[in-house]
């Protein structure tokens, strides 16, 4: 079980976007990276190209570049603070993530 999952609200704790919050859009576990909506925007220049019968012009495209997992912290929905994540087992045997600051379940 991972500490950060797709759909979690996270806060950036290092880098050029320090302090910004957003939702995790994509997880890249093999690279230990994730993509956060609206954070770490990068620009890519694309050549003009032929796509079937239509011509696509040259353009500059903005996209969300991946961040390293160590540069973000999960934001707890109950206390609204960036927090560390812990794991515990419920009475029924389910493993759940919890906020280390307010002790509330994240799942």
PDB file of N, CA and C in Angstrom:
ATOM      1  N   UNK A   1       0.849  -1.183   0.000  1.00  0.00           N
ATOM      2  CA  UNK A   1       0.000   0.000   0.000  1.00  0.00           C
ATOM      3  C   UNK A   1       0.891   1.241   0.000  1.00  0.00           C
ATOM      4  N   UNK A   2       0.567   2.190  -0.875  1.00  0.00           N
ATOM      5  CA  UNK A   2       1.374   3.402  -0.990  1.00  0.00           C
ATOM      6  C   UNK A   2       0.845   4.498  -0.079  1.00  0.00           C
ATOM      7  N   UNK A   3       1.742   5.405   0.315  1.00  0.00           N
ATOM      8  CA  UNK A   3       1.341   6.507   1.182  1.00  0.00           C
ATOM      9  C   UNK A   3       0.559   7.565   0.424  1.00  0.00           C
ATOM     10  N   UNK A   4       0.867   7.742  -0.867  1.00  0.00           N
ATOM     11  CA  UNK A   4       0.164   8.716  -1.689  1.00  0.00           C
ATOM     12  C   UNK A   4      -0.530   7.965  -2.822  1.00  0.00           C
ATOM     13  N   UNK A   5      -1.797   8.316  -3.074  1.00  0.00           N
ATOM     14  CA  UNK A   5      -2.569   7.637  -4.108  1.00  0.00           C
ATOM     15  C   UNK A   5      -3.152   8.651  -5.088  1.00  0.00           C
ATOM     16  N   UNK A   6      -3.576   8.163  -6.231  1.00  0.00           N
ATOM     17  CA  UNK A   6      -4.249   8.987  -7.225  1.00  0.00           C
ATOM     18  C   UNK A   6      -5.533   9.536  -6.603  1.00  0.00           C
ATOM     19  N   UNK A   7      -5.761  10.845  -6.764  1.00  0.00           N
ATOM     20  CA  UNK A   7      -6.952  11.471  -6.204  1.00  0.00           C
ATOM     21  C   UNK A   7      -6.708  12.178  -4.882  1.00  0.00           C
ATOM     22  N   UNK A   8      -5.562  11.935  -4.240  1.00  0.00           N
ATOM     23  CA  UNK A   8      -5.238  12.616  -2.983  1.00  0.00           C
ATOM     24  C   UNK A   8      -4.929  14.082  -3.233  1.00  0.00           C
ATOM     25  N   UNK A   9      -5.245  14.930  -2.254  1.00  0.00           N
ATOM     26  CA  UNK A   9      -4.855  16.334  -2.304  1.00  0.00           C
ATOM     27  C   UNK A   9      -3.485  16.422  -1.644  1.00  0.00           C
ATOM     28  N   UNK A  10      -2.516  17.029  -2.346  1.00  0.00           N
ATOM     29  CA  UNK A  10      -1.153  17.123  -1.826  1.00  0.00           C
ATOM     30  C   UNK A  10      -0.665  18.570  -1.840  1.00  0.00           C
ATOM     31  N   UNK A  11       0.355  18.844  -1.025  1.00  0.00           N
ATOM     32  CA  UNK A  11       0.994  20.157  -0.976  1.00  0.00           C
ATOM     33  C   UNK A  11       2.465  19.974  -1.318  1.00  0.00           C
ATOM     34  N   UNK A  12       2.999  20.861  -2.157  1.00  0.00           N
ATOM     35  CA  UNK A  12       4.408  20.799  -2.552  1.00  0.00           C
ATOM     36  C   UNK A  12       5.248  21.385  -1.417  1.00  0.00           C
ATOM     37  N   UNK A  13       6.278  20.646  -0.977  1.00  0.00           N
ATOM     38  CA  UNK A  13       7.107  21.095   0.140  1.00  0.00           C
ATOM     39  C   UNK A  13       8.522  21.462  -0.287  1.00  0.00           C
ATOM     40  N   UNK A  14       8.840  21.324  -1.569  1.00  0.00           N
ATOM     41  CA  UNK A  14      10.172  21.686  -2.064  1.00  0.00           C
ATOM     42  C   UNK A  14      10.088  22.036  -3.540  1.00  0.00           C
ATOM     43  N   UNK A  15      10.958  22.929  -3.975  1.00  0.00           N
ATOM     44  CA  UNK A  15      11.023  23.273  -5.392  1.00  0.00           C
ATOM     45  C   UNK A  15      10.385  24.615  -5.702  1.00  0.00           C
ATOM     46  N   UNK A  16      10.239  24.895  -6.987  1.00  0.00           N
ATOM     47  CA  UNK A  16       9.751  26.202  -7.429  1.00  0.00           C
ATOM     48  C   UNK A  16       8.286  26.441  -7.097  1.00  0.00           C
ATOM     49  N   UNK A  17       7.510  25.396  -6.909  1.00  0.00           N
ATOM     50  CA  UNK A  17       6.083  25.518  -6.601  1.00  0.00           C
ATOM     51  C   UNK A  17       5.797  25.296  -5.119  1.00  0.00           C
ATOM     52  N   UNK A  18       6.727  25.642  -4.262  1.00  0.00           N
ATOM     53  CA  UNK A  18       6.614  25.444  -2.817  1.00  0.00           C
ATOM     54  C   UNK A  18       5.322  26.048  -2.273  1.00  0.00           C
ATOM     55  N   UNK A  19       4.560  25.245  -1.525  1.00  0.00           N
ATOM     56  CA  UNK A  19       3.333  25.721  -0.898  1.00  0.00           C
ATOM     57  C   UNK A  19       2.074  25.543  -1.719  1.00  0.00           C
ATOM     58  N   UNK A  20       2.199  25.201  -2.989  1.00  0.00           N
ATOM     59  CA  UNK A  20       1.012  25.028  -3.840  1.00  0.00           C
ATOM     60  C   UNK A  20       0.356  23.677  -3.565  1.00  0.00           C
ATOM     61  N   UNK A  21      -0.968  23.663  -3.695  1.00  0.00           N
ATOM     62  CA  UNK A  21      -1.739  22.433  -3.479  1.00  0.00           C
ATOM     63  C   UNK A  21      -2.450  22.023  -4.756  1.00  0.00           C
ATOM     64  N   UNK A  22      -2.657  20.728  -4.898  1.00  0.00           N
ATOM     65  CA  UNK A  22      -3.369  20.208  -6.053  1.00  0.00           C
ATOM     66  C   UNK A  22      -3.692  18.742  -5.859  1.00  0.00           C
ATOM     67  N   UNK A  23      -4.434  18.200  -6.805  1.00  0.00           N
ATOM     68  CA  UNK A  23      -4.842  16.799  -6.741  1.00  0.00           C
ATOM     69  C   UNK A  23      -3.917  15.945  -7.588  1.00  0.00           C
ATOM     70  N   UNK A  24      -3.591  14.756  -7.091  1.00  0.00           N
ATOM     71  CA  UNK A  24      -2.727  13.827  -7.820  1.00  0.00           C
ATOM     72  C   UNK A  24      -3.511  13.272  -9.002  1.00  0.00           C
ATOM     73  N   UNK A  25      -2.978  13.481 -10.219  1.00  0.00           N
ATOM     74  CA  UNK A  25      -3.633  13.038 -11.442  1.00  0.00           C
ATOM     75  C   UNK A  25      -3.105  11.683 -11.875  1.00  0.00           C
ATOM     76  N   UNK A  26      -1.781  11.509 -11.796  1.00  0.00           N
ATOM     77  CA  UNK A  26      -1.139  10.279 -12.249  1.00  0.00           C
ATOM     78  C   UNK A  26      -0.039   9.878 -11.287  1.00  0.00           C
ATOM     79  N   UNK A  27       0.075   8.581 -11.042  1.00  0.00           N
ATOM     80  CA  UNK A  27       1.174   8.039 -10.243  1.00  0.00           C
ATOM     81  C   UNK A  27       2.116   7.275 -11.178  1.00  0.00           C
ATOM     82  N   UNK A  28       3.421   7.484 -10.994  1.00  0.00           N
ATOM     83  CA  UNK A  28       4.443   6.752 -11.737  1.00  0.00           C
ATOM     84  C   UNK A  28       5.330   6.030 -10.721  1.00  0.00           C
ATOM     85  N   UNK A  29       4.862   4.900 -10.170  1.00  0.00           N
ATOM     86  CA  UNK A  29       5.559   4.247  -9.062  1.00  0.00           C
ATOM     87  C   UNK A  29       6.961   3.730  -9.390  1.00  0.00           C
ATOM     88  N   UNK A  30       7.208   3.314 -10.631  1.00  0.00           N
ATOM     89  CA  UNK A  30       8.543   2.817 -10.985  1.00  0.00           C
ATOM     90  C   UNK A  30       9.591   3.917 -10.913  1.00  0.00           C
ATOM     91  N   UNK A  31       9.174   5.166 -11.219  1.00  0.00           N
ATOM     92  CA  UNK A  31      10.094   6.300 -11.195  1.00  0.00           C
ATOM     93  C   UNK A  31      10.006   7.076  -9.881  1.00  0.00           C
ATOM     94  N   UNK A  32       9.112   6.680  -8.971  1.00  0.00           N
ATOM     95  CA  UNK A  32       8.859   7.382  -7.708  1.00  0.00           C
ATOM     96  C   UNK A  32       8.453   8.827  -7.967  1.00  0.00           C
ATOM     97  N   UNK A  33       7.576   9.014  -8.950  1.00  0.00           N
ATOM     98  CA  UNK A  33       7.115  10.351  -9.323  1.00  0.00           C
ATOM     99  C   UNK A  33       5.594  10.371  -9.420  1.00  0.00           C
ATOM    100  N   UNK A  34       5.029  11.576  -9.407  1.00  0.00           N
ATOM    101  CA  UNK A  34       3.599  11.759  -9.567  1.00  0.00           C
ATOM    102  C   UNK A  34       3.329  13.066 -10.286  1.00  0.00           C
ATOM    103  N   UNK A  35       2.151  13.171 -10.895  1.00  0.00           N
ATOM    104  CA  UNK A  35       1.745  14.379 -11.603  1.00  0.00           C
ATOM    105  C   UNK A  35       0.615  15.009 -10.804  1.00  0.00           C
ATOM    106  N   UNK A  36       0.771  16.311 -10.476  1.00  0.00           N
ATOM    107  CA  UNK A  36      -0.219  17.044  -9.700  1.00  0.00           C
ATOM    108  C   UNK A  36      -0.847  18.101 -10.607  1.00  0.00           C
ATOM    109  N   UNK A  37      -2.169  18.183 -10.595  1.00  0.00           N
ATOM    110  CA  UNK A  37      -2.894  19.132 -11.453  1.00  0.00           C
ATOM    111  C   UNK A  37      -2.540  20.574 -11.087  1.00  0.00           C
ATOM    112  N   UNK A  38      -2.118  21.351 -12.079  1.00  0.00           N
ATOM    113  CA  UNK A  38      -1.832  22.770 -11.890  1.00  0.00           C
ATOM    114  C   UNK A  38      -0.505  23.092 -11.243  1.00  0.00           C
ATOM    115  N   UNK A  39       0.327  22.098 -11.006  1.00  0.00           N
ATOM    116  CA  UNK A  39       1.619  22.298 -10.349  1.00  0.00           C
ATOM    117  C   UNK A  39       2.731  21.815 -11.268  1.00  0.00           C
ATOM    118  N   UNK A  40       3.888  22.481 -11.232  1.00  0.00           N
ATOM    119  CA  UNK A  40       5.065  22.117 -12.023  1.00  0.00           C
ATOM    120  C   UNK A  40       4.753  22.158 -13.518  1.00  0.00           C
ATOM    121  N   UNK A  41       4.202  23.284 -13.965  1.00  0.00           N
ATOM    122  CA  UNK A  41       3.873  23.442 -15.386  1.00  0.00           C
ATOM    123  C   UNK A  41       5.152  23.595 -16.205  1.00  0.00           C
ATOM    124  N   UNK A  42       5.209  22.914 -17.329  1.00  0.00           N
ATOM    125  CA  UNK A  42       6.351  22.988 -18.236  1.00  0.00           C
ATOM    126  C   UNK A  42       5.816  23.263 -19.639  1.00  0.00           C
ATOM    127  N   UNK A  43       6.687  23.817 -20.482  1.00  0.00           N
ATOM    128  CA  UNK A  43       6.302  24.114 -21.859  1.00  0.00           C
ATOM    129  C   UNK A  43       7.093  23.241 -22.806  1.00  0.00           C
ATOM    130  N   UNK A  44       6.416  22.801 -23.875  1.00  0.00           N
ATOM    131  CA  UNK A  44       7.056  21.961 -24.884  1.00  0.00           C
ATOM    132  C   UNK A  44       6.735  22.544 -26.250  1.00  0.00           C
ATOM    133  N   UNK A  45       7.758  22.732 -27.070  1.00  0.00           N
ATOM    134  CA  UNK A  45       7.564  23.244 -28.419  1.00  0.00           C
ATOM    135  C   UNK A  45       7.316  22.060 -29.347  1.00  0.00           C
ATOM    136  N   UNK A  46       6.236  22.131 -30.116  1.00  0.00           N
ATOM    137  CA  UNK A  46       5.904  21.061 -31.050  1.00  0.00           C
ATOM    138  C   UNK A  46       6.004  21.567 -32.480  1.00  0.00           C
ATOM    139  N   UNK A  47       6.564  20.726 -33.333  1.00  0.00           N
ATOM    140  CA  UNK A  47       6.675  21.049 -34.758  1.00  0.00           C
ATOM    141  C   UNK A  47       5.320  20.957 -35.432  1.00  0.00           C
ATOM    142  N   UNK A  48       5.195  21.638 -36.572  1.00  0.00           N
ATOM    143  CA  UNK A  48       4.011  21.465 -37.415  1.00  0.00           C
ATOM    144  C   UNK A  48       4.063  20.049 -37.980  1.00  0.00           C
ATOM    145  N   UNK A  49       2.908  19.411 -38.066  1.00  0.00           N
ATOM    146  CA  UNK A  49       2.899  18.036 -38.566  1.00  0.00           C
ATOM    147  C   UNK A  49       1.601  17.733 -39.288  1.00  0.00           C
ATOM    148  N   UNK A  50       1.640  16.657 -40.031  1.00  0.00           N
ATOM    149  CA  UNK A  50       0.487  16.189 -40.795  1.00  0.00           C
ATOM    150  C   UNK A  50      -0.136  15.031 -40.021  1.00  0.00           C
ATOM    151  N   UNK A  51      -1.408  15.156 -39.643  1.00  0.00           N
ATOM    152  CA  UNK A  51      -2.122  14.089 -38.949  1.00  0.00           C
ATOM    153  C   UNK A  51      -3.271  13.641 -39.836  1.00  0.00           C
ATOM    154  N   UNK A  52      -2.990  12.656 -40.665  1.00  0.00           N
ATOM    155  CA  UNK A  52      -4.010  12.200 -41.618  1.00  0.00           C
ATOM    156  C   UNK A  52      -4.225  13.245 -42.702  1.00  0.00           C
ATOM    157  N   UNK A  53      -5.460  13.720 -42.827  1.00  0.00           N
ATOM    158  CA  UNK A  53      -5.774  14.706 -43.859  1.00  0.00           C
ATOM    159  C   UNK A  53      -5.613  16.146 -43.363  1.00  0.00           C
ATOM    160  N   UNK A  54      -5.502  16.334 -42.041  1.00  0.00           N
ATOM    161  CA  UNK A  54      -5.426  17.707 -41.531  1.00  0.00           C
ATOM    162  C   UNK A  54      -4.008  18.096 -41.116  1.00  0.00           C
ATOM    163  N   UNK A  55      -3.741  19.360 -41.202  1.00  0.00           N
ATOM    164  CA  UNK A  55      -2.433  19.933 -40.873  1.00  0.00           C
ATOM    165  C   UNK A  55      -2.505  20.527 -39.466  1.00  0.00           C
ATOM    166  N   UNK A  56      -1.588  20.146 -38.574  1.00  0.00           N
ATOM    167  CA  UNK A  56      -1.526  20.715 -37.227  1.00  0.00           C
ATOM    168  C   UNK A  56      -0.374  21.712 -37.199  1.00  0.00           C
ATOM    169  N   UNK A  57      -0.648  22.974 -36.824  1.00  0.00           N
ATOM    170  CA  UNK A  57       0.402  23.997 -36.846  1.00  0.00           C
ATOM    171  C   UNK A  57       1.406  23.824 -35.704  1.00  0.00           C
ATOM    172  N   UNK A  58       2.553  24.477 -35.840  1.00  0.00           N
ATOM    173  CA  UNK A  58       3.546  24.494 -34.769  1.00  0.00           C
ATOM    174  C   UNK A  58       2.957  25.255 -33.588  1.00  0.00           C
ATOM    175  N   UNK A  59       3.256  24.785 -32.374  1.00  0.00           N
ATOM    176  CA  UNK A  59       2.680  25.419 -31.191  1.00  0.00           C
ATOM    177  C   UNK A  59       3.520  25.153 -29.952  1.00  0.00           C
ATOM    178  N   UNK A  60       3.264  25.934 -28.914  1.00  0.00           N
ATOM    179  CA  UNK A  60       3.899  25.722 -27.608  1.00  0.00           C
ATOM    180  C   UNK A  60       2.821  25.159 -26.695  1.00  0.00           C
ATOM    181  N   UNK A  61       3.054  23.959 -26.175  1.00  0.00           N
ATOM    182  CA  UNK A  61       2.080  23.261 -25.348  1.00  0.00           C
ATOM    183  C   UNK A  61       2.530  23.302 -23.890  1.00  0.00           C
ATOM    184  N   UNK A  62       1.612  23.658 -22.974  1.00  0.00           N
ATOM    185  CA  UNK A  62       1.888  23.623 -21.545  1.00  0.00           C
ATOM    186  C   UNK A  62       1.342  22.326 -20.973  1.00  0.00           C
ATOM    187  N   UNK A  63       2.112  21.676 -20.105  1.00  0.00           N
ATOM    188  CA  UNK A  63       1.662  20.430 -19.492  1.00  0.00           C
ATOM    189  C   UNK A  63       2.185  20.337 -18.067  1.00  0.00           C
ATOM    190  N   UNK A  64       1.580  19.455 -17.268  1.00  0.00           N
ATOM    191  CA  UNK A  64       2.006  19.232 -15.894  1.00  0.00           C
ATOM    192  C   UNK A  64       3.124  18.200 -15.903  1.00  0.00           C
ATOM    193  N   UNK A  65       4.323  18.613 -15.508  1.00  0.00           N
ATOM    194  CA  UNK A  65       5.461  17.703 -15.473  1.00  0.00           C
ATOM    195  C   UNK A  65       5.441  16.920 -14.156  1.00  0.00           C
ATOM    196  N   UNK A  66       6.008  15.711 -14.134  1.00  0.00           N
ATOM    197  CA  UNK A  66       6.023  14.910 -12.909  1.00  0.00           C
ATOM    198  C   UNK A  66       6.933  15.503 -11.830  1.00  0.00           C
ATOM    199  N   UNK A  67       6.541  15.288 -10.571  1.00  0.00           N
ATOM    200  CA  UNK A  67       7.318  15.677  -9.395  1.00  0.00           C
ATOM    201  C   UNK A  67       7.786  14.412  -8.689  1.00  0.00           C
ATOM    202  N   UNK A  68       8.877  14.509  -7.951  1.00  0.00           N
ATOM    203  CA  UNK A  68       9.307  13.376  -7.147  1.00  0.00           C
ATOM    204  C   UNK A  68       8.399  13.268  -5.929  1.00  0.00           C
ATOM    205  N   UNK A  69       8.112  12.047  -5.501  1.00  0.00           N
ATOM    206  CA  UNK A  69       7.201  11.811  -4.385  1.00  0.00           C
ATOM    207  C   UNK A  69       7.690  12.481  -3.100  1.00  0.00           C
ATOM    208  N   UNK A  70       9.005  12.579  -2.928  1.00  0.00           N
ATOM    209  CA  UNK A  70       9.547  13.170  -1.701  1.00  0.00           C
ATOM    210  C   UNK A  70       9.310  14.672  -1.604  1.00  0.00           C
ATOM    211  N   UNK A  71       8.892  15.305  -2.699  1.00  0.00           N
ATOM    212  CA  UNK A  71       8.671  16.750  -2.694  1.00  0.00           C
ATOM    213  C   UNK A  71       7.231  17.150  -2.401  1.00  0.00           C
ATOM    214  N   UNK A  72       6.384  16.195  -2.042  1.00  0.00           N
ATOM    215  CA  UNK A  72       4.990  16.500  -1.711  1.00  0.00           C
ATOM    216  C   UNK A  72       4.584  15.811  -0.413  1.00  0.00           C
ATOM    217  N   UNK A  73       3.573  16.394   0.258  1.00  0.00           N
ATOM    218  CA  UNK A  73       2.979  15.786   1.451  1.00  0.00           C
ATOM    219  C   UNK A  73       1.474  15.737   1.269  1.00  0.00           C
ATOM    220  N   UNK A  74       0.853  14.715   1.795  1.00  0.00           N
ATOM    221  CA  UNK A  74      -0.593  14.562   1.722  1.00  0.00           C
ATOM    222  C   UNK A  74      -1.251  15.604   2.624  1.00  0.00           C
ATOM    223  N   UNK A  75      -2.354  16.194   2.135  1.00  0.00           N
ATOM    224  CA  UNK A  75      -3.135  17.138   2.936  1.00  0.00           C
ATOM    225  C   UNK A  75      -4.311  16.376   3.530  1.00  0.00           C
ATOM    226  N   UNK A  76      -4.418  16.411   4.860  1.00  0.00           N
ATOM    227  CA  UNK A  76      -5.491  15.707   5.568  1.00  0.00           C
ATOM    228  C   UNK A  76      -6.816  16.423   5.320  1.00  0.00           C
ATOM    229  N   UNK A  77      -7.878  15.692   4.914  1.00  0.00           N
ATOM    230  CA  UNK A  77      -9.166  16.341   4.669  1.00  0.00           C
ATOM    231  C   UNK A  77      -9.837  16.867   5.940  1.00  0.00           C
ATOM    232  N   UNK A  78      -9.529  16.293   7.103  1.00  0.00           N
ATOM    233  CA  UNK A  78     -10.198  16.731   8.326  1.00  0.00           C
ATOM    234  C   UNK A  78      -9.518  17.929   8.985  1.00  0.00           C
ATOM    235  N   UNK A  79      -8.169  17.951   9.040  1.00  0.00           N
ATOM    236  CA  UNK A  79      -7.482  19.082   9.688  1.00  0.00           C
ATOM    237  C   UNK A  79      -6.909  20.075   8.677  1.00  0.00           C
ATOM    238  N   UNK A  80      -6.965  19.761   7.377  1.00  0.00           N
ATOM    239  CA  UNK A  80      -6.521  20.638   6.282  1.00  0.00           C
ATOM    240  C   UNK A  80      -5.063  21.073   6.433  1.00  0.00           C
ATOM    241  N   UNK A  81      -4.201  20.168   6.892  1.00  0.00           N
ATOM    242  CA  UNK A  81      -2.776  20.434   7.023  1.00  0.00           C
ATOM    243  C   UNK A  81      -1.987  19.369   6.287  1.00  0.00           C
ATOM    244  N   UNK A  82      -0.799  19.769   5.790  1.00  0.00           N
ATOM    245  CA  UNK A  82       0.097  18.794   5.174  1.00  0.00           C
ATOM    246  C   UNK A  82       0.629  17.909   6.292  1.00  0.00           C
ATOM    247  N   UNK A  83       0.564  16.613   6.097  1.00  0.00           N
ATOM    248  CA  UNK A  83       0.897  15.695   7.185  1.00  0.00           C
ATOM    249  C   UNK A  83       1.637  14.458   6.688  1.00  0.00           C
ATOM    250  N   UNK A  84       2.302  13.799   7.610  1.00  0.00           N
ATOM    251  CA  UNK A  84       2.881  12.498   7.325  1.00  0.00           C
ATOM    252  C   UNK A  84       1.762  11.465   7.386  1.00  0.00           C
ATOM    253  N   UNK A  85       1.994  10.335   6.743  1.00  0.00           N
ATOM    254  CA  UNK A  85       0.971   9.293   6.651  1.00  0.00           C
ATOM    255  C   UNK A  85       1.439   8.066   7.418  1.00  0.00           C
ATOM    256  N   UNK A  86       0.537   7.515   8.227  1.00  0.00           N
ATOM    257  CA  UNK A  86       0.811   6.285   8.941  1.00  0.00           C
ATOM    258  C   UNK A  86      -0.161   5.208   8.497  1.00  0.00           C
ATOM    259  N   UNK A  87       0.104   3.973   8.902  1.00  0.00           N
ATOM    260  CA  UNK A  87      -0.768   2.846   8.571  1.00  0.00           C
ATOM    261  C   UNK A  87      -1.198   2.158   9.847  1.00  0.00           C
ATOM    262  N   UNK A  88      -2.424   1.667   9.849  1.00  0.00           N
ATOM    263  CA  UNK A  88      -2.920   0.857  10.962  1.00  0.00           C
ATOM    264  C   UNK A  88      -3.996  -0.082  10.436  1.00  0.00           C
ATOM    265  N   UNK A  89      -4.296  -1.078  11.244  1.00  0.00           N
ATOM    266  CA  UNK A  89      -5.316  -2.056  10.883  1.00  0.00           C
ATOM    267  C   UNK A  89      -6.578  -1.785  11.685  1.00  0.00           C
ATOM    268  N   UNK A  90      -7.732  -1.807  11.006  1.00  0.00           N
ATOM    269  CA  UNK A  90      -9.021  -1.658  11.681  1.00  0.00           C
ATOM    270  C   UNK A  90      -9.389  -2.982  12.347  1.00  0.00           C
ATOM    271  N   UNK A  91     -10.499  -2.970  13.081  1.00  0.00           N
ATOM    272  CA  UNK A  91     -10.950  -4.182  13.779  1.00  0.00           C
ATOM    273  C   UNK A  91     -11.275  -5.313  12.806  1.00  0.00           C
ATOM    274  N   UNK A  92     -11.759  -4.948  11.605  1.00  0.00           N
ATOM    275  CA  UNK A  92     -12.123  -5.972  10.617  1.00  0.00           C
ATOM    276  C   UNK A  92     -10.924  -6.456   9.800  1.00  0.00           C
ATOM    277  N   UNK A  93      -9.709  -5.976  10.100  1.00  0.00           N
ATOM    278  CA  UNK A  93      -8.499  -6.431   9.431  1.00  0.00           C
ATOM    279  C   UNK A  93      -8.073  -5.587   8.243  1.00  0.00           C
ATOM    280  N   UNK A  94      -8.839  -4.533   7.901  1.00  0.00           N
ATOM    281  CA  UNK A  94      -8.487  -3.658   6.774  1.00  0.00           C
ATOM    282  C   UNK A  94      -7.335  -2.745   7.160  1.00  0.00           C
ATOM    283  N   UNK A  95      -6.358  -2.620   6.263  1.00  0.00           N
ATOM    284  CA  UNK A  95      -5.244  -1.710   6.468  1.00  0.00           C
ATOM    285  C   UNK A  95      -5.639  -0.347   5.922  1.00  0.00           C
ATOM    286  N   UNK A  96      -5.530   0.706   6.726  1.00  0.00           N
ATOM    287  CA  UNK A  96      -5.918   2.054   6.309  1.00  0.00           C
ATOM    288  C   UNK A  96      -4.797   3.045   6.593  1.00  0.00           C
ATOM    289  N   UNK A  97      -4.804   4.146   5.822  1.00  0.00           N
ATOM    290  CA  UNK A  97      -3.856   5.233   6.052  1.00  0.00           C
ATOM    291  C   UNK A  97      -4.477   6.206   7.041  1.00  0.00           C
ATOM    292  N   UNK A  98      -3.637   6.837   7.880  1.00  0.00           N
ATOM    293  CA  UNK A  98      -4.169   7.829   8.805  1.00  0.00           C
ATOM    294  C   UNK A  98      -3.230   9.019   8.917  1.00  0.00           C
ATOM    295  N   UNK A  99      -3.802  10.162   9.327  1.00  0.00           N
ATOM    296  CA  UNK A  99      -3.069  11.416   9.508  1.00  0.00           C
ATOM    297  C   UNK A  99      -2.309  11.351  10.818  1.00  0.00           C
ATOM    298  N   UNK A 100      -1.014  11.665  10.797  1.00  0.00           N
ATOM    299  CA  UNK A 100      -0.199  11.631  12.006  1.00  0.00           C
ATOM    300  C   UNK A 100      -0.468  12.833  12.912  1.00  0.00           C
ATOM    301  N   UNK A 101      -1.118  13.898  12.387  1.00  0.00           N
ATOM    302  CA  UNK A 101      -1.369  15.092  13.194  1.00  0.00           C
ATOM    303  C   UNK A 101      -2.679  14.994  13.973  1.00  0.00           C
ATOM    304  N   UNK A 102      -3.762  14.592  13.292  1.00  0.00           N
ATOM    305  CA  UNK A 102      -5.062  14.563  13.971  1.00  0.00           C
ATOM    306  C   UNK A 102      -5.594  13.134  14.180  1.00  0.00           C
ATOM    307  N   UNK A 103      -4.841  12.136  13.729  1.00  0.00           N
ATOM    308  CA  UNK A 103      -5.176  10.727  13.919  1.00  0.00           C
ATOM    309  C   UNK A 103      -6.450  10.288  13.182  1.00  0.00           C
ATOM    310  N   UNK A 104      -6.882  11.043  12.152  1.00  0.00           N
ATOM    311  CA  UNK A 104      -8.081  10.692  11.387  1.00  0.00           C
ATOM    312  C   UNK A 104      -7.698   9.801  10.199  1.00  0.00           C
ATOM    313  N   UNK A 105      -8.623   8.951   9.773  1.00  0.00           N
ATOM    314  CA  UNK A 105      -8.399   8.072   8.627  1.00  0.00           C
ATOM    315  C   UNK A 105      -8.408   8.879   7.343  1.00  0.00           C
ATOM    316  N   UNK A 106      -7.496   8.539   6.406  1.00  0.00           N
ATOM    317  CA  UNK A 106      -7.440   9.203   5.101  1.00  0.00           C
ATOM    318  C   UNK A 106      -8.242   8.450   4.058  1.00  0.00           C
ATOM    319  N   UNK A 107      -8.451   7.157   4.252  1.00  0.00           N
ATOM    320  CA  UNK A 107      -9.181   6.348   3.262  1.00  0.00           C
ATOM    321  C   UNK A 107     -10.673   6.351   3.546  1.00  0.00           C
TER     322      UNK A 107
END
